[in-house]
Amino acid sequence: MDVIAWMEKESMHVISGVRPGRLIFKPNGPLVDEYEQSWDLAGDAGVLNLTVKNNKIFYDEYPDALARLYSSLTSHGGNYLVASAKPGFEFIGEGSPTHVGGASHGGFINKIR
């Protein structure tokens, strides 16, 4: 797994199967991202490969990651876990189609290097 996220009270918690640490965030904080959205961050911004400099948040591998995760976790009532597969992998289960070699649905990472 690449990114795993869940919500506790009003805060989003993010860990990674690839990077160490934990990031906790919520909207309406003192930091502003590239899309003029404001966030409150605590913990390790490196979990989402974010850079924070002069109260600005810059995205790298995960464009608009904070808003994407926030909207995923708050779009429906209830408690959810959001997980993304590492690049080159996908989640499959009984009865679900596989897409060997590509053609699967879009993922959390869509920035091509």
Protein backbone atom coordinates (compact mmCIF):
# COMPACT_ATOMS: atom_id res chain seq x y z
CA MET A 1 0.00 0.00 0.00
CA ASP A 2 1.11 3.51 -0.72
CA VAL A 3 -1.14 5.84 1.34
CA ILE A 4 -3.58 4.90 4.12
CA ALA A 5 -5.85 7.58 5.60
CA TRP A 6 -8.70 7.82 8.08
CA MET A 7 -10.58 10.46 10.04
CA GLU A 8 -10.61 10.89 13.83
CA LYS A 9 -12.98 13.63 15.00
CA GLU A 10 -12.21 16.57 12.66
CA SER A 11 -8.64 15.52 11.75
CA MET A 12 -7.39 13.36 8.90
CA HIS A 13 -4.61 10.88 9.74
CA VAL A 14 -2.25 9.62 7.04
CA ILE A 15 0.41 6.92 7.10
CA SER A 16 2.30 5.25 4.29
CA GLY A 17 3.50 1.80 3.41
CA VAL A 18 6.40 3.50 1.62
CA ARG A 19 7.46 6.45 3.80
CA PRO A 20 7.91 6.61 7.59
CA GLY A 21 5.89 8.85 9.89
CA ARG A 22 2.34 10.07 10.31
CA LEU A 23 0.67 13.25 9.08
CA ILE A 24 -2.40 14.73 10.76
CA PHE A 25 -4.24 17.54 9.01
CA LYS A 26 -7.49 19.49 8.86
CA PRO A 27 -8.75 22.42 6.79
CA ASN A 28 -8.79 26.10 7.73
CA GLY A 29 -5.34 26.39 9.22
CA PRO A 30 -2.42 28.81 8.94
CA LEU A 31 -0.74 27.10 5.94
CA VAL A 32 -1.85 27.78 2.36
CA ASP A 33 -1.32 25.41 -0.56
CA GLU A 34 -0.80 25.98 -4.29
CA TYR A 35 -4.60 26.05 -4.77
CA GLU A 36 -5.12 28.78 -2.11
CA GLN A 37 -6.68 26.28 0.32
CA SER A 38 -5.70 26.64 3.97
CA TRP A 39 -4.65 23.73 6.17
CA ASP A 40 -3.41 22.88 9.63
CA LEU A 41 -0.66 20.23 9.50
CA ALA A 42 0.98 18.29 12.33
CA GLY A 43 3.52 15.50 12.09
CA ASP A 44 5.54 14.44 9.08
CA ALA A 45 4.59 16.21 5.83
CA GLY A 46 6.94 13.80 4.04
CA VAL A 47 4.28 11.07 4.32
CA LEU A 48 2.54 12.80 1.38
CA ASN A 49 5.80 14.11 -0.05
CA LEU A 50 4.76 17.68 0.82
CA THR A 51 7.15 20.58 1.26
CA VAL A 52 6.26 23.36 3.69
CA LYS A 53 8.18 26.62 3.35
CA ASN A 54 7.24 30.11 4.55
CA ASN A 55 3.72 28.97 5.51
CA LYS A 56 3.14 27.60 1.98
CA ILE A 57 2.46 23.95 1.13
CA PHE A 58 3.89 22.56 -2.11
CA TYR A 59 2.77 19.26 -3.63
CA ASP A 60 5.00 16.84 -5.50
CA GLU A 61 3.84 13.29 -6.27
CA TYR A 62 0.29 13.78 -5.02
CA PRO A 63 -1.34 16.85 -6.63
CA ASP A 64 -3.90 18.44 -4.28
CA ALA A 65 -3.45 15.50 -1.89
CA LEU A 66 -4.91 17.20 1.16
CA ALA A 67 -8.17 18.18 -0.55
CA ARG A 68 -8.47 14.79 -2.25
CA LEU A 69 -8.10 12.90 1.00
CA TYR A 70 -10.29 15.33 2.93
CA SER A 71 -13.12 15.09 0.39
CA SER A 72 -12.84 11.29 0.26
CA LEU A 73 -13.09 11.00 4.03
CA THR A 74 -15.93 13.51 4.48
CA SER A 75 -18.09 12.81 1.42
CA HIS A 76 -20.32 10.29 3.24
CA GLY A 77 -21.38 9.70 6.80
CA GLY A 78 -19.63 6.95 8.72
CA ASN A 79 -16.07 5.85 9.32
CA TYR A 80 -13.90 4.96 6.35
CA LEU A 81 -10.37 3.94 5.57
CA VAL A 82 -8.88 5.24 2.33
CA ALA A 83 -6.03 3.24 0.83
CA SER A 84 -4.11 3.59 -2.41
CA ALA A 85 -1.94 1.00 -4.09
CA LYS A 86 1.70 1.71 -4.84
CA PRO A 87 2.42 2.66 -8.47
CA GLY A 88 2.47 -0.48 -10.60
CA PHE A 89 0.09 -2.34 -8.28
CA GLU A 90 -3.67 -2.52 -7.83
CA PHE A 91 -6.12 -3.95 -5.33
CA ILE A 92 -8.06 -6.92 -6.61
CA GLY A 93 -10.53 -9.28 -5.02
CA GLU A 94 -12.89 -12.06 -5.92
CA GLY A 95 -14.97 -11.01 -8.90
CA SER A 96 -13.09 -7.78 -9.57
CA PRO A 97 -11.43 -7.39 -12.96
CA THR A 98 -7.67 -7.15 -13.18
CA HIS A 99 -5.83 -4.81 -15.49
CA VAL A 100 -2.45 -6.42 -16.04
CA GLY A 101 -0.20 -3.99 -17.86
CA GLY A 102 -2.46 -0.97 -17.35
CA ALA A 103 -5.97 0.33 -18.09
CA SER A 104 -7.00 0.43 -14.44
CA HIS A 105 -8.86 3.42 -13.02
CA GLY A 106 -7.01 6.57 -12.03
CA GLY A 107 -5.10 6.60 -8.80
CA PHE A 108 -4.00 8.98 -6.11
CA ILE A 109 -0.74 9.64 -7.94
CA ASN A 110 -1.18 11.14 -11.35
CA LYS A 111 1.93 13.21 -11.77
CA ILE A 112 4.15 11.62 -14.40
CA ARG A 113 7.90 11.96 -13.96
